[in-house]
Protein backbone atom coordinates (compact mmCIF):
# COMPACT_ATOMS: atom_id res chain seq x y z
CA MET A 1 0.00 0.00 0.00
CA PRO A 2 2.70 2.61 0.79
CA ALA A 3 4.40 1.91 -2.56
CA PHE A 4 1.07 2.27 -4.40
CA LEU A 5 0.19 5.56 -2.70
CA THR A 6 3.69 6.93 -3.33
CA THR A 7 3.40 6.09 -7.03
CA VAL A 8 -0.01 7.76 -7.34
CA ARG A 9 1.28 10.91 -5.63
CA ARG A 10 4.35 11.00 -7.86
CA HIS A 11 2.21 10.73 -11.02
CA ARG A 12 -0.83 12.59 -9.74
CA ASP A 13 -1.38 14.71 -12.88
CA GLU A 14 -1.07 11.76 -15.25
CA VAL A 15 -3.37 9.60 -13.13
CA ARG A 16 -6.00 12.34 -13.08
CA ARG A 17 -5.67 12.87 -16.84
CA ARG A 18 -6.05 9.18 -17.65
CA LEU A 19 -8.92 8.30 -15.33
CA GLY A 20 -11.23 8.53 -18.34
CA ASP A 21 -9.31 5.95 -20.36
CA GLY A 22 -11.34 2.91 -21.34
CA VAL A 23 -10.38 -0.65 -20.52
CA GLN A 24 -8.49 -2.39 -23.34
CA THR A 25 -8.20 -6.04 -22.34
CA ASN A 26 -7.07 -7.98 -25.40
CA GLU A 27 -7.62 -11.41 -23.83
CA VAL A 28 -5.69 -13.95 -25.89
CA GLY A 29 -7.26 -16.87 -24.01
CA ARG A 30 -10.49 -16.31 -25.93
CA ALA A 31 -8.80 -17.59 -29.09
CA ALA A 32 -9.20 -21.10 -27.66
CA VAL A 33 -12.96 -20.52 -27.74
CA LEU A 34 -13.28 -18.72 -31.06
CA VAL A 35 -11.05 -21.11 -33.00
CA GLY A 36 -13.78 -23.76 -32.84
CA GLY A 37 -16.19 -21.33 -34.50
CA PHE A 38 -13.71 -20.45 -37.22
CA ALA A 39 -13.16 -24.16 -37.85
CA GLU A 40 -16.92 -24.71 -38.10
CA VAL A 41 -17.27 -21.98 -40.73
CA ALA A 42 -14.33 -23.34 -42.71
CA ARG A 43 -15.76 -26.86 -42.58
CA ARG A 44 -19.25 -25.78 -43.66
CA THR A 45 -18.12 -23.58 -46.55
CA GLY A 46 -14.85 -25.16 -47.69
CA LEU A 47 -13.54 -21.63 -48.22
CA PRO A 48 -10.67 -19.56 -46.79
CA LEU A 49 -11.70 -17.07 -44.13
CA ARG A 50 -12.02 -13.30 -44.40
CA VAL A 51 -11.91 -12.32 -40.72
CA LEU A 52 -13.43 -9.01 -39.51
CA GLU A 53 -13.06 -8.47 -35.76
CA VAL A 54 -15.08 -5.78 -34.00
CA GLY A 55 -13.63 -4.40 -30.76
CA ALA A 56 -10.29 -5.93 -31.69
CA SER A 57 -8.17 -3.80 -29.33
CA ALA A 58 -4.61 -4.64 -30.44
CA GLY A 59 -5.75 -7.33 -32.85
CA LEU A 60 -3.94 -10.15 -31.06
CA ASN A 61 -6.77 -12.63 -31.62
CA LEU A 62 -6.78 -11.78 -35.32
CA ARG A 63 -3.62 -13.92 -35.39
CA PHE A 64 -5.50 -16.96 -34.00
CA ASP A 65 -4.34 -19.22 -36.84
CA HIS A 66 -0.74 -18.65 -35.74
CA PHE A 67 -1.36 -20.12 -32.28
CA ALA A 68 -0.94 -23.79 -31.27
CA TYR A 69 -3.94 -25.82 -30.08
CA ASP A 70 -3.15 -29.15 -28.42
CA VAL A 71 -6.38 -31.09 -28.86
CA GLY A 72 -4.97 -34.39 -27.64
CA GLY A 73 -2.69 -36.52 -29.77
CA ARG A 74 -1.94 -33.73 -32.21
CA VAL A 75 -1.47 -29.97 -32.40
CA ALA A 76 -3.60 -27.82 -34.69
CA GLY A 77 -2.52 -24.40 -35.92
CA ASP A 78 1.18 -23.55 -35.73
CA PRO A 79 2.98 -26.22 -33.64
CA THR A 80 5.96 -23.89 -33.18
CA SER A 81 3.91 -20.95 -31.87
CA PRO A 82 4.84 -19.46 -28.48
CA VAL A 83 1.07 -19.19 -27.82
CA ARG A 84 0.00 -22.70 -26.87
CA PHE A 85 -3.36 -23.91 -25.56
CA GLN A 86 -3.38 -27.22 -23.76
CA GLY A 87 -5.88 -28.66 -21.30
CA VAL A 88 -8.31 -25.76 -21.70
CA TRP A 89 -11.26 -27.84 -22.92
CA GLU A 90 -13.57 -29.60 -20.49
CA GLY A 91 -14.52 -32.83 -22.22
CA VAL A 92 -14.24 -33.17 -25.99
CA PRO A 93 -12.40 -30.29 -27.73
CA PRO A 94 -13.71 -28.79 -30.97
CA GLU A 95 -12.86 -30.52 -34.24
CA LEU A 96 -9.93 -28.51 -35.58
CA PRO A 97 -8.12 -29.00 -38.89
CA ASP A 98 -4.34 -29.06 -38.91
CA ALA A 99 -4.40 -25.50 -40.27
CA LEU A 100 -6.99 -22.85 -41.12
CA ALA A 101 -6.68 -20.80 -44.31
CA VAL A 102 -7.09 -17.08 -43.57
CA ALA A 103 -7.34 -14.99 -46.72
CA SER A 104 -7.40 -11.65 -44.87
CA ARG A 105 -7.69 -10.26 -41.36
CA LEU A 106 -8.90 -6.80 -40.36
CA GLY A 107 -10.24 -5.26 -37.17
CA CYS A 108 -11.75 -2.10 -35.75
CA ASP A 109 -11.76 -0.53 -32.31
CA ARG A 110 -12.65 2.79 -30.72
CA SER A 111 -9.09 3.15 -29.42
CA PRO A 112 -6.75 0.65 -31.11
CA VAL A 113 -3.52 -0.33 -29.39
CA ASP A 114 -0.33 -0.99 -31.37
CA PRO A 115 1.21 -4.12 -29.80
CA THR A 116 4.48 -3.61 -31.66
CA THR A 117 5.40 -0.47 -29.66
CA PRO A 118 6.73 -0.29 -26.08
CA SER A 119 3.80 1.91 -24.99
CA GLY A 120 1.31 -0.46 -26.61
CA ARG A 121 2.81 -3.46 -24.87
CA ALA A 122 2.79 -1.66 -21.53
CA THR A 123 -0.87 -0.67 -22.02
CA LEU A 124 -1.91 -4.25 -22.78
CA ARG A 125 0.01 -5.66 -19.81
CA SER A 126 -1.50 -3.06 -17.47
CA PHE A 127 -4.97 -4.57 -17.89
CA VAL A 128 -3.94 -8.06 -16.73
CA TRP A 129 -4.16 -8.72 -12.99
CA PRO A 130 -0.55 -9.04 -11.79
CA ASP A 131 -1.01 -12.33 -9.94
CA GLN A 132 -2.28 -14.10 -13.10
CA LEU A 133 1.10 -15.05 -14.48
CA ASP A 134 -0.27 -17.49 -17.06
CA ARG A 135 -2.29 -14.69 -18.69
CA LEU A 136 0.73 -12.40 -18.72
CA GLN A 137 2.88 -15.10 -20.31
CA ARG A 138 0.24 -15.80 -22.96
CA LEU A 139 -0.11 -12.07 -23.66
CA ASP A 140 3.63 -11.63 -24.09
CA ALA A 141 3.73 -14.63 -26.43
CA ALA A 142 0.88 -13.20 -28.52
CA ILE A 143 2.68 -9.86 -28.73
CA GLU A 144 5.68 -11.75 -30.08
CA VAL A 145 3.47 -13.30 -32.77
CA ALA A 146 2.04 -9.87 -33.59
CA GLY A 147 5.56 -8.66 -34.33
CA ARG A 148 5.78 -10.99 -37.33
CA VAL A 149 2.14 -11.40 -38.44
CA ALA A 150 0.57 -8.21 -39.75
CA ALA A 151 -3.02 -7.30 -38.83
CA VAL A 152 -4.50 -3.83 -39.20
CA VAL A 153 -6.95 -2.50 -36.59
CA GLU A 154 -8.74 0.65 -37.72
CA GLN A 155 -10.14 3.29 -35.39
CA ALA A 156 -13.85 3.24 -36.19
CA ASP A 157 -17.41 2.96 -34.92
CA ALA A 158 -18.48 -0.69 -34.85
CA ALA A 159 -21.73 -0.29 -36.79
CA GLU A 160 -20.36 2.05 -39.44
CA TRP A 161 -17.27 -0.09 -39.93
CA ALA A 162 -19.28 -3.29 -40.22
CA ALA A 163 -21.67 -1.71 -42.72
CA ARG A 164 -18.73 -0.51 -44.83
CA GLN A 165 -16.92 -3.84 -44.77
CA LEU A 166 -20.09 -5.78 -45.57
CA ALA A 167 -21.50 -3.45 -48.21
CA GLU A 168 -20.74 -5.91 -51.01
CA PRO A 169 -20.48 -9.72 -50.78
CA VAL A 170 -16.96 -11.03 -51.43
CA ARG A 171 -16.88 -14.18 -53.54
CA GLY A 172 -14.45 -17.00 -52.90
CA VAL A 173 -14.09 -16.43 -49.15
CA ALA A 174 -16.22 -16.96 -46.06
CA THR A 175 -16.57 -13.58 -44.36
CA VAL A 176 -16.63 -13.93 -40.57
CA VAL A 177 -17.66 -11.02 -38.34
CA VAL A 178 -16.32 -11.89 -34.89
CA HIS A 179 -16.27 -10.26 -31.45
CA SER A 180 -15.78 -11.27 -27.83
CA ILE A 181 -17.20 -9.40 -24.82
CA VAL A 182 -17.95 -6.29 -26.87
CA LEU A 183 -21.72 -5.71 -27.01
CA GLN A 184 -21.88 -4.46 -23.42
CA TYR A 185 -19.70 -1.51 -24.43
CA LEU A 186 -22.19 -0.39 -27.09
CA ASP A 187 -25.32 1.51 -26.17
CA ARG A 188 -28.75 0.34 -27.32
CA GLU A 189 -28.74 2.42 -30.50
CA GLN A 190 -25.23 1.30 -31.44
CA ARG A 191 -26.11 -2.36 -30.87
CA ALA A 192 -29.19 -2.03 -33.05
CA ARG A 193 -27.22 -0.43 -35.89
CA PHE A 194 -24.50 -3.05 -35.60
CA ARG A 195 -26.92 -5.98 -35.69
CA GLY A 196 -28.78 -4.31 -38.55
CA ALA A 197 -25.60 -4.03 -40.61
CA ILE A 198 -24.89 -7.75 -40.17
CA THR A 199 -28.42 -8.99 -40.87
CA GLU A 200 -28.72 -6.77 -43.96
CA ALA A 201 -25.44 -8.18 -45.24
CA GLY A 202 -26.75 -11.67 -44.48
CA GLY A 203 -29.59 -11.02 -46.89
CA ARG A 204 -27.02 -10.41 -49.63
CA ALA A 205 -24.93 -13.51 -48.86
CA THR A 206 -24.72 -16.39 -51.30
CA GLY A 207 -23.19 -19.84 -51.35
CA ALA A 208 -20.19 -18.38 -53.19
CA ALA A 209 -19.98 -15.42 -50.78
CA PRO A 210 -21.21 -16.69 -47.39
CA LEU A 211 -21.34 -14.65 -44.20
CA ALA A 212 -20.89 -15.81 -40.62
CA TRP A 213 -21.40 -13.98 -37.32
CA LEU A 214 -19.30 -15.52 -34.55
CA ARG A 215 -19.49 -14.05 -31.06
CA MET A 216 -18.53 -14.81 -27.50
CA GLU A 217 -20.74 -12.70 -25.24
CA PRO A 218 -22.11 -12.87 -21.66
CA GLY A 219 -24.55 -15.69 -21.00
CA GLY A 220 -24.78 -15.75 -17.21
CA GLU A 221 -21.94 -17.32 -15.24
CA ARG A 222 -20.28 -18.26 -18.51
CA ALA A 223 -19.86 -16.63 -21.87
CA GLU A 224 -21.92 -18.12 -24.71
CA VAL A 225 -20.41 -18.89 -28.09
CA ARG A 226 -22.96 -18.37 -30.87
CA LEU A 227 -22.67 -18.73 -34.63
CA THR A 228 -25.11 -17.45 -37.25
CA THR A 229 -24.48 -18.29 -40.90
CA TRP A 230 -25.96 -17.01 -44.13
CA PRO A 231 -27.37 -17.35 -46.81
CA ARG A 232 -29.79 -19.45 -44.73
CA GLY A 233 -29.59 -17.46 -41.49
CA GLU A 234 -29.08 -20.49 -39.25
CA GLU A 235 -28.07 -19.84 -35.64
CA ARG A 236 -26.71 -22.25 -33.06
CA ILE A 237 -24.90 -22.23 -29.73
CA LEU A 238 -21.48 -23.83 -30.14
CA GLY A 239 -20.52 -23.93 -26.48
CA SER A 240 -19.61 -21.82 -23.49
CA ALA A 241 -16.49 -20.69 -21.69
CA GLY A 242 -15.04 -18.69 -18.86
CA TYR A 243 -14.82 -14.99 -19.58
CA HIS A 244 -11.06 -15.16 -20.10
CA GLY A 245 -11.48 -18.19 -22.35
CA HIS A 246 -10.67 -20.95 -19.85
CA PRO A 247 -12.17 -23.43 -19.35
CA VAL A 248 -14.12 -24.19 -22.54
CA TRP A 249 -17.18 -26.44 -22.74
CA TRP A 250 -17.62 -27.30 -26.40
CA GLY A 251 -21.01 -28.41 -27.70
CA GLN A 252 -24.36 -27.50 -26.16
CA PRO A 253 -23.75 -25.92 -22.73
CA ALA A 254 -24.72 -27.95 -19.68
């Protein structure tokens, strides 16, 4: 406590100035949840993925295909990746291919963080509780991956950005709009515009230019993982997970 109070006094003006900063938790553990949804879209469509992440923060989870997923007996994704998920699934893990083809990756956020800069790395680390060393290690590993795998995160309003990205169907890829623990940060009007942009785009989707909406959002004590796919507009619950991504219950939640 004395060290904390001394630090606050020493940086009083900066602390006061930054009290209005929003939380920017780019939780890498959620990739272990979302990867099952990406695999489902790839399996259904047989197409490479065009990934559009809303509320992407630093875009670390946009590099999900460069992480390693030990699903028992084999490793999906990049076996050499410093980001490795093992023992995170309760029961049967999702069916993952050896690799997922990602044609493009793009994100948006109100206040994007650049993970390749010292200040960006410090910002991301500041939002992880200091006693959770496994989360810090995973974050640092994901930042390392971000240094060699490019992913642009644009500063933009979620609804406007989604409407712009989905204005025209893109043939030859499966477009996936994805987000995790984001909707609570949008007000009612913003949520309505965002959902409207996705459903309108779903009406334009075709078999050659399919659209998927993958999200991990609050569902009580756990987060629910839902997937809606077009052109048919089918929706299903894929599973549930802890809010930081661990543990994961794949399949219909108990």
